Protein backbone atom coordinates (compact mmCIF):
# COMPACT_ATOMS: atom_id res chain seq x y z
CA UNK A 1 32.07 -24.12 22.18
CA UNK A 2 31.68 -26.67 24.97
CA UNK A 3 33.12 -30.18 24.33
CA UNK A 4 32.31 -33.12 26.59
CA UNK A 5 35.35 -34.81 28.27
CA UNK A 6 36.17 -38.13 26.65
CA UNK A 7 36.05 -40.62 29.58
CA UNK A 8 35.25 -40.68 33.27
CA UNK A 9 38.94 -41.12 34.12
CA UNK A 10 40.03 -38.31 31.89
CA UNK A 11 37.44 -36.05 33.55
CA UNK A 12 38.96 -36.90 36.93
CA UNK A 13 42.51 -36.35 35.64
CA UNK A 14 41.46 -33.03 34.21
CA UNK A 15 41.20 -31.68 37.74
CA UNK A 16 37.70 -32.57 38.89
CA UNK A 17 38.87 -34.17 42.16
CA UNK A 18 40.01 -31.97 45.06
CA UNK A 19 43.76 -31.44 45.54
CA UNK A 20 45.37 -34.38 47.35
CA UNK A 21 42.28 -36.67 47.01
CA UNK A 22 43.16 -40.37 46.66
CA UNK A 23 42.30 -41.88 43.28
CA UNK A 24 40.15 -44.62 44.71
CA UNK A 25 36.63 -45.65 43.78
CA UNK A 26 35.00 -43.20 46.22
CA UNK A 27 37.11 -40.35 44.93
CA UNK A 28 36.24 -41.17 41.35
CA UNK A 29 32.53 -41.45 42.15
CA UNK A 30 32.53 -38.16 44.04
CA UNK A 31 34.38 -36.43 41.25
CA UNK A 32 32.04 -37.95 38.69
CA UNK A 33 28.93 -36.70 40.47
CA UNK A 34 30.41 -33.21 40.63
CA UNK A 35 31.28 -33.28 36.98
CA UNK A 36 27.85 -34.61 36.03
CA UNK A 37 26.22 -31.77 37.94
CA UNK A 38 28.32 -29.27 36.03
CA UNK A 39 27.59 -31.02 32.76
CA UNK A 40 23.87 -30.94 33.52
CA UNK A 41 24.03 -27.24 34.33
CA UNK A 42 25.92 -26.52 31.11
CA UNK A 43 23.47 -28.52 29.01
CA UNK A 44 20.55 -26.74 30.67
CA UNK A 45 22.19 -23.38 29.99
CA UNK A 46 22.81 -24.24 26.34
CA UNK A 47 19.25 -25.53 25.97
CA UNK A 48 17.90 -22.35 27.54
CA UNK A 49 19.95 -20.12 25.26
CA UNK A 50 18.88 -22.15 22.25
CA UNK A 51 15.24 -21.78 23.23
CA UNK A 52 15.62 -18.03 23.63
CA UNK A 53 17.39 -17.67 20.28
CA UNK A 54 14.79 -19.80 18.50
CA UNK A 55 11.98 -17.82 20.08
CA UNK A 56 13.60 -14.56 19.01
CA UNK A 57 14.05 -15.85 15.49
CA UNK A 58 10.45 -17.01 15.33
CA UNK A 59 9.20 -13.70 16.73
CA UNK A 60 11.19 -11.80 14.11
CA UNK A 61 9.90 -14.10 11.39
CA UNK A 62 6.33 -13.63 12.59
CA UNK A 63 6.81 -9.86 12.64
CA UNK A 64 8.08 -9.94 9.06
CA UNK A 65 5.14 -12.08 8.01
CA UNK A 66 2.58 -9.87 9.78
CA UNK A 67 2.63 -7.19 7.06
CA UNK A 68 2.28 -8.36 3.47
CA UNK A 69 3.15 -5.90 0.73
CA UNK A 70 1.72 -8.24 -1.86
CA UNK A 71 -1.62 -8.48 -0.05
CA UNK A 72 -1.69 -4.70 0.46
CA UNK A 73 -1.09 -4.08 -3.23
CA UNK A 74 -3.89 -6.49 -4.15
CA UNK A 75 -6.32 -4.66 -1.87
CA UNK A 76 -5.30 -1.26 -3.24
CA UNK A 77 -5.96 -2.63 -6.72
CA UNK A 78 -9.36 -3.91 -5.62
CA UNK A 79 -10.62 -0.52 -4.46
CA UNK A 80 -8.93 1.30 -7.35
CA UNK A 81 -10.98 -0.87 -9.69
CA UNK A 82 -14.15 0.91 -8.55
CA UNK A 83 -12.95 3.99 -10.42
CA UNK A 84 -12.38 7.54 -9.11
CA UNK A 85 -13.44 7.66 -5.45
CA UNK A 86 -14.51 11.28 -5.22
CA UNK A 87 -16.04 12.08 -1.82
CA UNK A 88 -19.73 11.22 -1.83
CA UNK A 89 -19.53 9.13 -4.99
CA UNK A 90 -20.79 5.61 -5.54
CA UNK A 91 -17.20 4.39 -5.97
CA UNK A 92 -16.21 5.81 -2.59
CA UNK A 93 -19.24 4.16 -0.99
CA UNK A 94 -18.48 0.78 -2.57
CA UNK A 95 -14.87 0.96 -1.44
CA UNK A 96 -16.03 1.91 2.04
CA UNK A 97 -18.26 -1.14 2.23
CA UNK A 98 -15.32 -3.37 1.29
CA UNK A 99 -13.18 -1.80 4.03
CA UNK A 100 -15.99 -2.18 6.58
CA UNK A 101 -16.37 -5.86 5.71
CA UNK A 102 -12.62 -6.39 6.07
CA UNK A 103 -12.57 -4.74 9.50
CA UNK A 104 -15.53 -6.81 10.61
CA UNK A 105 -13.98 -10.08 9.47
CA UNK A 106 -10.94 -9.25 11.59
CA UNK A 107 -13.09 -8.93 14.69
CA UNK A 108 -13.29 -5.15 15.11
CA UNK A 109 -16.40 -3.20 16.02
CA UNK A 110 -17.26 -1.21 12.91
CA UNK A 111 -19.11 2.08 12.63
CA UNK A 112 -19.93 4.24 9.62
CA UNK A 113 -19.79 7.94 10.46
CA UNK A 114 -21.46 10.42 8.10
CA UNK A 115 -19.40 13.35 6.82
CA UNK A 116 -21.36 16.25 5.33
CA UNK A 117 -20.01 17.87 2.16
CA UNK A 118 -20.13 21.65 1.47
CA UNK A 119 -21.98 21.27 -1.83
CA UNK A 120 -24.43 18.70 -0.50
CA UNK A 121 -24.20 14.96 -0.24
CA UNK A 122 -22.26 12.90 2.24
CA UNK A 123 -19.02 11.04 2.52
CA UNK A 124 -18.28 8.53 5.30
CA UNK A 125 -15.66 7.52 7.79
CA UNK A 126 -15.34 3.75 8.23
CA UNK A 127 -14.21 3.32 11.83
CA UNK A 128 -12.92 0.15 13.49
CA UNK A 129 -12.45 -0.09 17.26
CA UNK A 130 -11.00 -2.71 19.52
CA UNK A 131 -11.83 -3.13 23.18
CA UNK A 132 -10.32 -0.94 25.88
CA UNK A 133 -9.51 2.74 26.41
CA UNK A 134 -8.29 4.46 23.25
CA UNK A 135 -4.49 4.71 22.98
CA UNK A 136 -3.64 4.57 19.26
CA UNK A 137 -5.27 6.12 16.18
CA UNK A 138 -4.34 5.19 12.61
CA UNK A 139 -6.17 6.84 9.70
CA UNK A 140 -5.91 6.69 5.92
CA UNK A 141 -8.17 8.62 3.59
CA UNK A 142 -10.33 6.50 1.33
CA UNK A 143 -11.44 9.15 -1.15
CA UNK A 144 -9.47 10.29 -4.18
CA UNK A 145 -9.54 12.83 -6.98
CA UNK A 146 -11.68 12.50 -10.06
CA UNK A 147 -8.72 12.31 -12.44
CA UNK A 148 -7.86 8.68 -11.79
CA UNK A 149 -8.17 5.53 -9.66
CA UNK A 150 -6.11 6.97 -6.77
CA UNK A 151 -4.14 3.80 -6.09
CA UNK A 152 -1.23 5.47 -4.33
CA UNK A 153 -3.22 8.49 -3.14
CA UNK A 154 -4.59 6.83 -1.20
CA UNK A 155 -5.46 3.23 -1.85
CA UNK A 156 -1.95 2.47 -0.60
CA UNK A 157 -2.56 3.99 2.83
CA UNK A 158 -5.90 2.21 3.26
CA UNK A 159 -4.36 -1.11 2.25
CA UNK A 160 -1.46 -0.77 4.70
CA UNK A 161 -3.89 0.22 7.45
CA UNK A 162 -5.79 -3.03 6.85
CA UNK A 163 -2.53 -4.94 7.13
CA UNK A 164 -2.05 -3.27 10.52
CA UNK A 165 -5.60 -4.22 11.49
CA UNK A 166 -4.75 -7.84 10.66
CA UNK A 167 -1.45 -7.81 12.56
CA UNK A 168 -2.97 -6.10 15.62
CA UNK A 169 -6.24 -7.98 15.96
CA UNK A 170 -6.90 -8.79 19.57
CA UNK A 171 -4.92 -5.76 20.81
CA UNK A 172 -6.78 -3.31 23.01
CA UNK A 173 -7.06 0.45 22.63
CA UNK A 174 -7.05 0.80 18.82
CA UNK A 175 -9.02 3.05 16.49
CA UNK A 176 -8.46 2.53 12.77
CA UNK A 177 -10.36 4.66 10.28
CA UNK A 178 -10.68 4.94 6.53
CA UNK A 179 -11.70 8.59 6.47
CA UNK A 180 -13.63 10.33 3.73
CA UNK A 181 -13.44 13.73 2.07
CA UNK A 182 -9.73 14.37 2.51
CA UNK A 183 -9.21 15.73 -0.99
CA UNK A 184 -9.92 19.44 -0.60
CA UNK A 185 -9.58 20.01 -4.33
CA UNK A 186 -12.74 17.91 -4.72
CA UNK A 187 -14.74 18.90 -1.62
CA UNK A 188 -14.04 22.64 -1.90
CA UNK A 189 -13.38 22.73 1.85
CA UNK A 190 -10.33 24.41 3.43
CA UNK A 191 -10.00 21.45 5.82
CA UNK A 192 -9.87 17.67 5.59
CA UNK A 193 -13.48 16.96 6.41
CA UNK A 194 -13.37 13.28 7.34
CA UNK A 195 -10.57 13.53 9.89
CA UNK A 196 -12.07 16.75 11.30
CA UNK A 197 -15.37 14.91 11.80
CA UNK A 198 -13.59 12.01 13.46
CA UNK A 199 -11.71 14.31 15.83
CA UNK A 200 -14.86 16.21 16.83
CA UNK A 201 -16.45 12.96 18.00
CA UNK A 202 -13.64 12.27 20.49
CA UNK A 203 -14.13 13.51 24.04
CA UNK A 204 -11.31 15.69 25.46
CA UNK A 205 -10.56 13.06 28.10
CA UNK A 206 -10.23 10.44 25.37
CA UNK A 207 -7.89 12.61 23.31
CA UNK A 208 -5.55 13.00 26.27
CA UNK A 209 -5.08 9.24 26.49
CA UNK A 210 -3.95 8.85 22.88
CA UNK A 211 -0.25 7.99 22.72
CA UNK A 212 0.16 7.70 18.96
CA UNK A 213 -1.78 9.08 15.99
CA UNK A 214 -0.70 8.38 12.41
CA UNK A 215 -1.99 9.28 8.96
CA UNK A 216 -0.90 6.83 6.25
CA UNK A 217 -1.04 8.70 2.96
CA UNK A 218 0.80 7.82 -0.26
CA UNK A 219 2.99 4.96 0.95
CA UNK A 220 3.39 2.88 -2.22
CA UNK A 221 5.38 5.14 -4.56
CA UNK A 222 8.11 7.71 -3.94
CA UNK A 223 11.75 8.26 -3.20
CA UNK A 224 12.15 8.39 0.57
CA UNK A 225 10.09 7.50 3.61
CA UNK A 226 9.26 10.73 5.43
CA UNK A 227 7.69 11.60 8.76
CA UNK A 228 5.79 14.87 8.57
CA UNK A 229 3.82 17.17 10.85
CA UNK A 230 2.46 20.68 11.10
CA UNK A 231 4.75 21.66 13.98
CA UNK A 232 8.27 23.00 13.51
CA UNK A 233 9.71 20.04 15.42
CA UNK A 234 8.55 16.47 15.84
CA UNK A 235 5.65 15.89 18.21
CA UNK A 236 5.26 12.68 20.24
CA UNK A 237 3.70 10.70 17.39
CA UNK A 238 6.32 11.84 14.87
CA UNK A 239 9.09 10.98 17.32
CA UNK A 240 7.75 7.45 17.74
CA UNK A 241 7.64 6.95 13.98
CA UNK A 242 11.17 8.31 13.59
CA UNK A 243 12.40 5.93 16.29
CA UNK A 244 10.65 3.03 14.59
CA UNK A 245 12.28 3.83 11.25
CA UNK A 246 15.72 4.20 12.80
CA UNK A 247 15.33 0.92 14.65
CA UNK A 248 15.27 -0.79 11.24
CA UNK A 249 18.64 0.74 10.33
CA UNK A 250 17.16 3.34 7.98
CA UNK A 251 17.84 7.04 8.13
CA UNK A 252 14.89 9.22 9.10
CA UNK A 253 14.27 12.95 9.17
CA UNK A 254 11.34 15.01 10.32
CA UNK A 255 9.88 17.22 7.59
CA UNK A 256 7.35 19.91 8.57
CA UNK A 257 4.49 20.49 6.17
CA UNK A 258 1.68 23.01 5.84
CA UNK A 259 -1.01 20.53 6.82
CA UNK A 260 -1.91 18.72 3.63
CA UNK A 261 -3.11 15.40 5.03
CA UNK A 262 -5.37 14.16 7.81
CA UNK A 263 -2.71 14.47 10.52
CA UNK A 264 -3.33 18.23 10.41
CA UNK A 265 -6.93 18.05 11.60
CA UNK A 266 -6.12 15.57 14.35
CA UNK A 267 -3.29 17.75 15.62
CA UNK A 268 -5.39 20.91 15.54
CA UNK A 269 -8.10 19.09 17.49
CA UNK A 270 -5.72 18.21 20.30
CA UNK A 271 -4.40 14.82 19.17
CA UNK A 272 -0.76 15.37 18.09
CA UNK A 273 -0.45 13.32 14.91
CA UNK A 274 2.14 12.53 12.25
CA UNK A 275 1.99 11.73 8.56
CA UNK A 276 3.94 8.82 7.10
CA UNK A 277 4.59 9.26 3.37
CA UNK A 278 6.94 8.20 0.62
CA UNK A 279 8.02 11.46 -1.00
CA UNK A 280 7.09 12.11 -3.70
CA UNK A 281 5.00 10.66 -6.51
CA UNK A 282 5.70 13.58 -8.78
CA UNK A 283 4.81 11.78 -11.99
CA UNK A 284 1.28 10.60 -11.20
CA UNK A 285 -0.01 12.46 -8.16
CA UNK A 286 -3.67 13.40 -8.79
CA UNK A 287 -3.46 12.02 -12.33
CA UNK A 288 -4.97 9.18 -14.33
CA UNK A 289 -1.70 7.26 -14.15
CA UNK A 290 -2.01 6.77 -10.38
CA UNK A 291 -2.68 3.07 -10.93
CA UNK A 292 -2.11 0.01 -8.75
CA UNK A 293 0.52 -1.57 -10.97
CA UNK A 294 2.94 1.22 -9.97
CA UNK A 295 2.76 0.39 -6.25
CA UNK A 296 5.92 -1.16 -4.82
CA UNK A 297 5.20 -4.09 -2.52
CA UNK A 298 8.38 -3.51 -0.52
CA UNK A 299 7.44 0.11 0.13
CA UNK A 300 3.98 -0.92 1.33
CA UNK A 301 5.55 -3.58 3.53
CA UNK A 302 8.13 -1.17 4.96
CA UNK A 303 5.53 1.50 5.77
CA UNK A 304 3.41 -1.13 7.49
CA UNK A 305 6.24 -2.62 9.52
CA UNK A 306 7.48 0.77 10.67
CA UNK A 307 4.00 1.80 11.76
CA UNK A 308 3.45 -1.56 13.44
CA UNK A 309 6.61 -1.07 15.51
CA UNK A 310 5.45 2.38 16.58
CA UNK A 311 1.97 1.11 17.46
CA UNK A 312 3.26 -1.79 19.53
CA UNK A 313 5.64 0.54 21.34
CA UNK A 314 2.81 2.95 22.14
CA UNK A 315 0.57 0.16 23.37
CA UNK A 316 3.29 -1.25 25.62
CA UNK A 317 4.10 2.04 27.39
């Protein structure tokens, strides 16, 4: 810690004057000017370091505040209140309208993309785009099973995606989508129809520019935060998520899966994607007890912050 010398004379006696210099008025003045210059430089250095440290602290605080687990839980509860959001149902449509309004209020260009269902009827993808060439895709399926309100599977993913939309507003190159008809047990399809429809609409040249693609699915309940993919080893998107998790001091492992979320259809269509999930909601998955009160705000917040780090990294490359 720097301490200012006590008096002008003491500063001179401390060795500020050149060796052999007479201790007259001129010598004292010359020494004083030299010492003042050094003092000024030290003060400027300390002020600069303080500014940098304060800025870093504020940036970290802003980053923490950008994703709200409490707000995410409230939104998941809002769409869960519509009842079971089976693909093509009135509840799914009402929830989709709420998501579209939220995207629009945040300044995104919003489009509703029809998704045909095998037994007739239609689901929808609610797509938000920012300006600029596409670089990042984040999806979360909006539909659920008929057994319950589907708060964790997947109101949680949709809610965290909206937190990302809020934190990233004004950024270029984003596509965020609440996709429909993911639940194959309800649609009767062998694939996740909403994400497959989304991927088909992307031109090959656009797909090549994507640096990160993430499916947020079941991120409010579960034991451990997992990064999953259909490949045997982590693809580029999975690697970025793993790095983001590890940068927070948490352990992270890649866990291959058989393709049971929307990341599978994106990857198969040429956009290597990863699935972020808390594993596993064994008690209430696809059951009536999948209610919003069970969602953990800190898990929602953590999933959002990790994804936000990965997105910002991808956009800055």
